[in-house]
Amino acid sequence: MRALRLTLCALASGPLFAFACGLVCVACAPEPGLAPSTPTATSGTLPKRLSPRHIRRGVGAIMGYARGCGFRYRVPGHYRVHVVLSGATGRPIRVTVLNRSTHRATEHCVIDAFKRARFQRFRDRTQRFIFPVIFR
């Protein structure tokens, strides 16, 4: 395992990977007198809006929590979750369910799950999307 970690460390470029390896690696260490090159997200490198792929990635990270709401309350239904994101932080500003259900606890659980989501930052001030969550 140590040989694999050392090989990965030697193949990597940048001091952050060397830190993740947990090893001191000459190939990963920055040259003396030079500042380490860490990528910074400036407004020029950020996308104007998030693509559907970025949205699916952010929602995919919390979908287990949302599915847990269905398992917890055992109420079948279809929820259309409306999310407003902040471009500066990539976090949800407002989360609502568009179609109201009779089981409010499930609805609030889904809203809380979506509030945990984190997305890539983007240049626009806000972005909105609707994401379906279906419990059978």
N, C-alpha and C. Protein backbone atom coordinates (compact mmCIF):
# COMPACT_ATOMS: atom_id res chain seq x y z
N MET A 1 0.83 -1.19 0.00
CA MET A 1 0.00 0.00 0.00
C MET A 1 0.87 1.25 0.00
N ARG A 2 1.97 1.21 0.79
CA ARG A 2 2.86 2.37 0.85
C ARG A 2 3.50 2.63 -0.50
N ALA A 3 3.86 1.56 -1.23
CA ALA A 3 4.48 1.74 -2.55
C ALA A 3 3.49 2.37 -3.52
N LEU A 4 2.22 1.98 -3.44
CA LEU A 4 1.19 2.56 -4.29
C LEU A 4 1.01 4.04 -3.98
N ARG A 5 0.98 4.38 -2.69
CA ARG A 5 0.82 5.78 -2.31
C ARG A 5 2.02 6.60 -2.76
N LEU A 6 3.21 6.05 -2.65
CA LEU A 6 4.42 6.76 -3.07
C LEU A 6 4.41 6.96 -4.59
N THR A 7 3.96 5.94 -5.34
CA THR A 7 3.88 6.06 -6.79
C THR A 7 2.88 7.14 -7.18
N LEU A 8 1.71 7.14 -6.55
CA LEU A 8 0.71 8.16 -6.84
C LEU A 8 1.25 9.54 -6.52
N CYS A 9 1.95 9.66 -5.41
CA CYS A 9 2.51 10.93 -5.01
C CYS A 9 3.55 11.40 -6.01
N ALA A 10 4.37 10.50 -6.48
CA ALA A 10 5.42 10.88 -7.43
C ALA A 10 4.82 11.28 -8.77
N LEU A 11 3.69 10.70 -9.16
CA LEU A 11 3.07 11.03 -10.42
C LEU A 11 2.27 12.33 -10.35
N ALA A 12 1.89 12.73 -9.17
CA ALA A 12 1.04 13.91 -9.02
C ALA A 12 1.85 15.18 -9.19
N SER A 13 1.15 16.24 -9.48
CA SER A 13 1.82 17.53 -9.54
C SER A 13 1.13 18.47 -8.58
N GLY A 14 1.88 19.13 -7.76
CA GLY A 14 1.32 20.09 -6.81
C GLY A 14 1.46 19.64 -5.39
N PRO A 15 1.66 20.59 -4.49
CA PRO A 15 1.88 20.27 -3.09
C PRO A 15 0.64 19.76 -2.38
N LEU A 16 -0.56 20.07 -2.90
CA LEU A 16 -1.79 19.63 -2.23
C LEU A 16 -1.92 18.12 -2.28
N PHE A 17 -1.53 17.51 -3.41
CA PHE A 17 -1.63 16.06 -3.51
C PHE A 17 -0.61 15.40 -2.60
N ALA A 18 0.55 15.99 -2.48
CA ALA A 18 1.56 15.42 -1.58
C ALA A 18 1.06 15.42 -0.15
N PHE A 19 0.34 16.47 0.22
CA PHE A 19 -0.24 16.53 1.55
C PHE A 19 -1.29 15.44 1.71
N ALA A 20 -2.11 15.23 0.66
CA ALA A 20 -3.14 14.19 0.72
C ALA A 20 -2.51 12.81 0.80
N CYS A 21 -1.34 12.63 0.21
CA CYS A 21 -0.65 11.34 0.27
C CYS A 21 -0.17 11.03 1.68
N GLY A 22 0.09 12.07 2.45
CA GLY A 22 0.64 11.86 3.77
C GLY A 22 2.12 11.58 3.75
N LEU A 23 2.76 11.86 2.62
CA LEU A 23 4.18 11.61 2.45
C LEU A 23 4.88 12.88 2.02
N VAL A 24 6.15 12.96 2.31
CA VAL A 24 6.96 14.05 1.79
C VAL A 24 7.53 13.56 0.48
N CYS A 25 7.18 14.20 -0.59
CA CYS A 25 7.55 13.73 -1.92
C CYS A 25 8.33 14.83 -2.62
N VAL A 26 9.51 14.52 -3.08
CA VAL A 26 10.34 15.51 -3.74
C VAL A 26 9.69 15.98 -5.03
N ALA A 27 9.04 15.09 -5.77
CA ALA A 27 8.41 15.46 -7.03
C ALA A 27 7.24 16.40 -6.82
N CYS A 28 6.60 16.34 -5.65
CA CYS A 28 5.43 17.16 -5.38
C CYS A 28 5.77 18.46 -4.69
N ALA A 29 6.96 18.57 -4.16
CA ALA A 29 7.31 19.76 -3.38
C ALA A 29 7.56 20.94 -4.30
N PRO A 30 7.14 22.15 -3.89
CA PRO A 30 7.39 23.32 -4.71
C PRO A 30 8.86 23.68 -4.69
N GLU A 31 9.29 24.38 -5.73
CA GLU A 31 10.68 24.82 -5.78
C GLU A 31 10.92 25.87 -4.72
N PRO A 32 12.14 25.92 -4.14
CA PRO A 32 12.42 26.92 -3.11
C PRO A 32 12.30 28.33 -3.68
N GLY A 33 11.69 29.22 -2.90
CA GLY A 33 11.54 30.60 -3.31
C GLY A 33 10.31 30.87 -4.14
N LEU A 34 9.59 29.83 -4.57
CA LEU A 34 8.37 30.02 -5.35
C LEU A 34 7.16 29.73 -4.47
N ALA A 35 6.15 30.53 -4.65
CA ALA A 35 4.91 30.30 -3.91
C ALA A 35 4.22 29.08 -4.51
N PRO A 36 3.58 28.27 -3.69
CA PRO A 36 2.87 27.12 -4.23
C PRO A 36 1.74 27.59 -5.13
N SER A 37 1.55 26.86 -6.21
CA SER A 37 0.51 27.26 -7.17
C SER A 37 -0.79 26.57 -6.79
N THR A 38 -1.68 27.30 -6.16
CA THR A 38 -3.00 26.78 -5.84
C THR A 38 -3.99 27.51 -6.70
N PRO A 39 -4.87 26.78 -7.36
CA PRO A 39 -5.83 27.44 -8.23
C PRO A 39 -6.82 28.27 -7.42
N THR A 40 -7.03 29.48 -7.85
CA THR A 40 -8.03 30.34 -7.21
C THR A 40 -9.16 30.56 -8.18
N ALA A 41 -10.35 30.57 -7.66
CA ALA A 41 -11.53 30.75 -8.50
C ALA A 41 -11.81 32.23 -8.65
N THR A 42 -11.37 32.78 -9.75
CA THR A 42 -11.67 34.18 -10.01
C THR A 42 -12.91 34.23 -10.87
N SER A 43 -13.47 35.42 -11.00
CA SER A 43 -14.71 35.54 -11.77
C SER A 43 -14.50 35.17 -13.23
N GLY A 44 -13.25 35.23 -13.72
CA GLY A 44 -12.98 34.85 -15.10
C GLY A 44 -13.05 33.35 -15.33
N THR A 45 -12.77 32.54 -14.31
CA THR A 45 -12.77 31.10 -14.47
C THR A 45 -14.10 30.46 -14.08
N LEU A 46 -14.96 31.21 -13.43
CA LEU A 46 -16.25 30.66 -13.02
C LEU A 46 -17.21 30.68 -14.20
N PRO A 47 -18.07 29.67 -14.30
CA PRO A 47 -19.07 29.70 -15.37
C PRO A 47 -20.13 30.75 -15.09
N LYS A 48 -20.77 31.23 -16.15
CA LYS A 48 -21.82 32.23 -15.98
C LYS A 48 -23.00 31.61 -15.22
N ARG A 49 -23.39 30.42 -15.61
CA ARG A 49 -24.47 29.67 -14.95
C ARG A 49 -24.04 28.22 -14.83
N LEU A 50 -24.69 27.49 -13.97
CA LEU A 50 -24.39 26.07 -13.81
C LEU A 50 -25.05 25.27 -14.92
N SER A 51 -24.34 24.29 -15.40
CA SER A 51 -24.89 23.40 -16.42
C SER A 51 -25.77 22.35 -15.73
N PRO A 52 -26.62 21.66 -16.48
CA PRO A 52 -27.41 20.57 -15.88
C PRO A 52 -26.53 19.51 -15.21
N ARG A 53 -25.36 19.28 -15.77
CA ARG A 53 -24.44 18.30 -15.17
C ARG A 53 -23.98 18.74 -13.78
N HIS A 54 -23.65 20.03 -13.63
CA HIS A 54 -23.24 20.54 -12.32
C HIS A 54 -24.40 20.47 -11.32
N ILE A 55 -25.60 20.74 -11.79
CA ILE A 55 -26.77 20.67 -10.90
C ILE A 55 -27.01 19.23 -10.45
N ARG A 56 -26.93 18.29 -11.39
CA ARG A 56 -27.11 16.87 -11.02
C ARG A 56 -26.05 16.43 -10.03
N ARG A 57 -24.83 16.91 -10.21
CA ARG A 57 -23.74 16.54 -9.29
C ARG A 57 -24.02 17.06 -7.88
N GLY A 58 -24.46 18.32 -7.78
CA GLY A 58 -24.76 18.89 -6.47
C GLY A 58 -25.94 18.22 -5.79
N VAL A 59 -26.98 17.94 -6.58
CA VAL A 59 -28.16 17.27 -6.02
C VAL A 59 -27.84 15.81 -5.70
N GLY A 60 -27.01 15.19 -6.51
CA GLY A 60 -26.66 13.79 -6.27
C GLY A 60 -25.99 13.58 -4.93
N ALA A 61 -25.28 14.60 -4.46
CA ALA A 61 -24.59 14.47 -3.17
C ALA A 61 -25.57 14.41 -2.00
N ILE A 62 -26.77 14.97 -2.15
CA ILE A 62 -27.74 14.97 -1.05
C ILE A 62 -28.94 14.07 -1.33
N MET A 63 -28.95 13.39 -2.45
CA MET A 63 -30.11 12.58 -2.81
C MET A 63 -30.33 11.44 -1.82
N GLY A 64 -29.29 10.96 -1.19
CA GLY A 64 -29.47 9.92 -0.16
C GLY A 64 -30.27 10.44 1.01
N TYR A 65 -30.04 11.71 1.39
CA TYR A 65 -30.82 12.31 2.47
C TYR A 65 -32.28 12.47 2.05
N ALA A 66 -32.49 12.88 0.80
CA ALA A 66 -33.86 13.06 0.31
C ALA A 66 -34.58 11.71 0.23
N ARG A 67 -33.89 10.69 -0.23
CA ARG A 67 -34.52 9.36 -0.28
C ARG A 67 -34.82 8.85 1.12
N GLY A 68 -33.98 9.22 2.07
CA GLY A 68 -34.23 8.82 3.46
C GLY A 68 -35.56 9.35 3.98
N CYS A 69 -36.00 10.50 3.46
CA CYS A 69 -37.30 11.05 3.86
C CYS A 69 -38.42 10.10 3.45
N GLY A 70 -38.30 9.53 2.25
CA GLY A 70 -39.30 8.57 1.79
C GLY A 70 -39.30 7.30 2.62
N PHE A 71 -38.11 6.84 2.99
CA PHE A 71 -38.03 5.63 3.81
C PHE A 71 -38.54 5.88 5.22
N ARG A 72 -38.28 7.08 5.73
CA ARG A 72 -38.67 7.40 7.10
C ARG A 72 -40.19 7.50 7.25
N TYR A 73 -40.83 8.20 6.33
CA TYR A 73 -42.27 8.46 6.49
C TYR A 73 -43.15 7.52 5.67
N ARG A 74 -42.59 6.80 4.73
CA ARG A 74 -43.32 5.81 3.93
C ARG A 74 -44.60 6.39 3.31
N VAL A 75 -44.46 7.58 2.72
CA VAL A 75 -45.59 8.23 2.05
C VAL A 75 -45.22 8.38 0.58
N PRO A 76 -45.90 7.66 -0.32
CA PRO A 76 -45.57 7.81 -1.74
C PRO A 76 -45.99 9.20 -2.23
N GLY A 77 -45.25 9.70 -3.20
CA GLY A 77 -45.61 11.00 -3.75
C GLY A 77 -44.53 11.54 -4.67
N HIS A 78 -44.88 12.62 -5.34
CA HIS A 78 -43.99 13.28 -6.28
C HIS A 78 -43.83 14.72 -5.81
N TYR A 79 -42.60 15.11 -5.53
CA TYR A 79 -42.32 16.47 -5.05
C TYR A 79 -41.49 17.20 -6.10
N ARG A 80 -41.94 18.38 -6.48
CA ARG A 80 -41.18 19.24 -7.39
C ARG A 80 -40.51 20.30 -6.53
N VAL A 81 -39.20 20.17 -6.35
CA VAL A 81 -38.45 21.03 -5.44
C VAL A 81 -37.87 22.20 -6.24
N HIS A 82 -38.24 23.42 -5.84
CA HIS A 82 -37.75 24.64 -6.48
C HIS A 82 -36.60 25.18 -5.64
N VAL A 83 -35.43 25.33 -6.26
CA VAL A 83 -34.23 25.75 -5.54
C VAL A 83 -33.70 27.03 -6.18
N VAL A 84 -33.36 28.01 -5.35
CA VAL A 84 -32.71 29.24 -5.79
C VAL A 84 -31.31 29.23 -5.18
N LEU A 85 -30.29 29.29 -6.05
CA LEU A 85 -28.90 29.23 -5.62
C LEU A 85 -28.26 30.61 -5.65
N SER A 86 -27.33 30.84 -4.76
CA SER A 86 -26.51 32.04 -4.76
C SER A 86 -25.26 31.76 -5.58
N GLY A 87 -24.95 32.65 -6.52
CA GLY A 87 -23.76 32.45 -7.34
C GLY A 87 -22.48 32.67 -6.57
N ALA A 88 -22.51 33.56 -5.59
CA ALA A 88 -21.30 33.88 -4.83
C ALA A 88 -20.86 32.72 -3.94
N THR A 89 -21.82 31.97 -3.40
CA THR A 89 -21.48 30.89 -2.47
C THR A 89 -21.74 29.50 -3.03
N GLY A 90 -22.63 29.37 -4.00
CA GLY A 90 -23.01 28.06 -4.51
C GLY A 90 -23.94 27.31 -3.58
N ARG A 91 -24.54 28.02 -2.64
CA ARG A 91 -25.45 27.39 -1.68
C ARG A 91 -26.89 27.82 -1.93
N PRO A 92 -27.84 27.00 -1.54
CA PRO A 92 -29.24 27.38 -1.73
C PRO A 92 -29.62 28.58 -0.86
N ILE A 93 -30.31 29.54 -1.48
CA ILE A 93 -30.85 30.69 -0.76
C ILE A 93 -32.25 30.34 -0.27
N ARG A 94 -33.04 29.73 -1.19
CA ARG A 94 -34.42 29.40 -0.86
C ARG A 94 -34.77 28.05 -1.50
N VAL A 95 -35.45 27.22 -0.73
CA VAL A 95 -35.90 25.91 -1.21
C VAL A 95 -37.37 25.78 -0.86
N THR A 96 -38.18 25.49 -1.86
CA THR A 96 -39.62 25.29 -1.64
C THR A 96 -40.09 24.08 -2.44
N VAL A 97 -41.21 23.53 -2.03
CA VAL A 97 -41.85 22.45 -2.78
C VAL A 97 -43.04 23.07 -3.49
N LEU A 98 -43.09 22.91 -4.83
CA LEU A 98 -44.13 23.56 -5.61
C LEU A 98 -45.49 22.90 -5.46
N ASN A 99 -45.53 21.58 -5.44
CA ASN A 99 -46.81 20.90 -5.26
C ASN A 99 -46.95 20.49 -3.80
N ARG A 100 -47.86 21.09 -3.12
CA ARG A 100 -48.07 20.82 -1.69
C ARG A 100 -48.63 19.42 -1.49
N SER A 101 -48.20 18.76 -0.43
CA SER A 101 -48.70 17.43 -0.12
C SER A 101 -49.47 17.48 1.20
N THR A 102 -50.15 16.41 1.47
CA THR A 102 -50.89 16.32 2.73
C THR A 102 -49.97 15.94 3.87
N HIS A 103 -48.83 15.37 3.56
CA HIS A 103 -47.90 14.95 4.60
C HIS A 103 -46.77 15.98 4.70
N ARG A 104 -46.95 16.93 5.59
CA ARG A 104 -46.03 18.06 5.71
C ARG A 104 -44.65 17.65 6.23
N ALA A 105 -44.57 16.60 7.05
CA ALA A 105 -43.28 16.19 7.60
C ALA A 105 -42.34 15.71 6.48
N THR A 106 -42.87 14.97 5.52
CA THR A 106 -42.06 14.52 4.39
C THR A 106 -41.60 15.72 3.57
N GLU A 107 -42.50 16.65 3.35
CA GLU A 107 -42.17 17.86 2.59
C GLU A 107 -41.04 18.64 3.26
N HIS A 108 -41.14 18.85 4.55
CA HIS A 108 -40.10 19.58 5.28
C HIS A 108 -38.77 18.81 5.29
N CYS A 109 -38.85 17.50 5.35
CA CYS A 109 -37.64 16.67 5.31
C CYS A 109 -36.93 16.84 3.97
N VAL A 110 -37.68 16.83 2.88
CA VAL A 110 -37.10 17.01 1.55
C VAL A 110 -36.48 18.40 1.43
N ILE A 111 -37.16 19.41 1.94
CA ILE A 111 -36.63 20.78 1.91
C ILE A 111 -35.32 20.85 2.69
N ASP A 112 -35.29 20.26 3.87
CA ASP A 112 -34.06 20.27 4.68
C ASP A 112 -32.92 19.55 3.97
N ALA A 113 -33.23 18.47 3.26
CA ALA A 113 -32.19 17.75 2.52
C ALA A 113 -31.61 18.64 1.43
N PHE A 114 -32.46 19.35 0.70
CA PHE A 114 -31.97 20.20 -0.39
C PHE A 114 -31.22 21.42 0.14
N LYS A 115 -31.52 21.86 1.34
CA LYS A 115 -30.78 22.98 1.91
C LYS A 115 -29.33 22.61 2.23
N ARG A 116 -29.05 21.32 2.34
CA ARG A 116 -27.69 20.85 2.62
C ARG A 116 -26.80 20.83 1.38
N ALA A 117 -27.41 20.95 0.21
CA ALA A 117 -26.67 20.81 -1.05
C ALA A 117 -25.64 21.93 -1.22
N ARG A 118 -24.54 21.61 -1.87
CA ARG A 118 -23.49 22.57 -2.19
C ARG A 118 -23.18 22.44 -3.67
N PHE A 119 -23.11 23.57 -4.33
CA PHE A 119 -22.87 23.59 -5.77
C PHE A 119 -21.64 24.42 -6.07
N GLN A 120 -21.15 24.28 -7.29
CA GLN A 120 -20.02 25.10 -7.74
C GLN A 120 -20.48 26.55 -7.80
N ARG A 121 -19.57 27.47 -7.49
CA ARG A 121 -19.91 28.89 -7.59
C ARG A 121 -20.01 29.29 -9.05
N PHE A 122 -20.76 30.35 -9.32
CA PHE A 122 -20.92 30.83 -10.69
C PHE A 122 -21.04 32.35 -10.67
N ARG A 123 -20.93 32.97 -11.84
CA ARG A 123 -20.86 34.43 -11.92
C ARG A 123 -22.21 35.12 -11.74
N ASP A 124 -23.29 34.55 -12.26
CA ASP A 124 -24.59 35.19 -12.10
C ASP A 124 -24.93 35.32 -10.63
N ARG A 125 -25.80 36.26 -10.33
CA ARG A 125 -26.17 36.49 -8.93
C ARG A 125 -26.92 35.29 -8.34
N THR A 126 -27.92 34.81 -9.07
CA THR A 126 -28.69 33.64 -8.63
C THR A 126 -29.00 32.75 -9.82
N GLN A 127 -29.40 31.54 -9.53
CA GLN A 127 -29.88 30.60 -10.54
C GLN A 127 -30.97 29.76 -9.90
N ARG A 128 -32.01 29.51 -10.67
CA ARG A 128 -33.14 28.72 -10.19
C ARG A 128 -33.24 27.43 -10.99
N PHE A 129 -33.70 26.38 -10.33
CA PHE A 129 -34.02 25.14 -11.04
C PHE A 129 -35.07 24.38 -10.24
N ILE A 130 -35.74 23.48 -10.93
CA ILE A 130 -36.75 22.60 -10.31
C ILE A 130 -36.25 21.18 -10.48
N PHE A 131 -36.26 20.42 -9.39
CA PHE A 131 -35.76 19.06 -9.42
C PHE A 131 -36.86 18.13 -8.86
N PRO A 132 -37.21 17.07 -9.59
CA PRO A 132 -38.25 16.16 -9.08
C PRO A 132 -37.69 15.13 -8.11
N VAL A 133 -38.47 14.83 -7.09
CA VAL A 133 -38.15 13.77 -6.14
C VAL A 133 -39.40 12.90 -6.06
N ILE A 134 -39.24 11.61 -6.37
CA ILE A 134 -40.39 10.71 -6.42
C ILE A 134 -40.20 9.60 -5.38
N PHE A 135 -41.22 9.40 -4.55
CA PHE A 135 -41.25 8.30 -3.59
C PHE A 135 -42.34 7.34 -4.03
N ARG A 136 -41.99 6.05 -4.10
CA ARG A 136 -42.98 5.03 -4.52
C ARG A 136 -43.34 4.14 -3.37
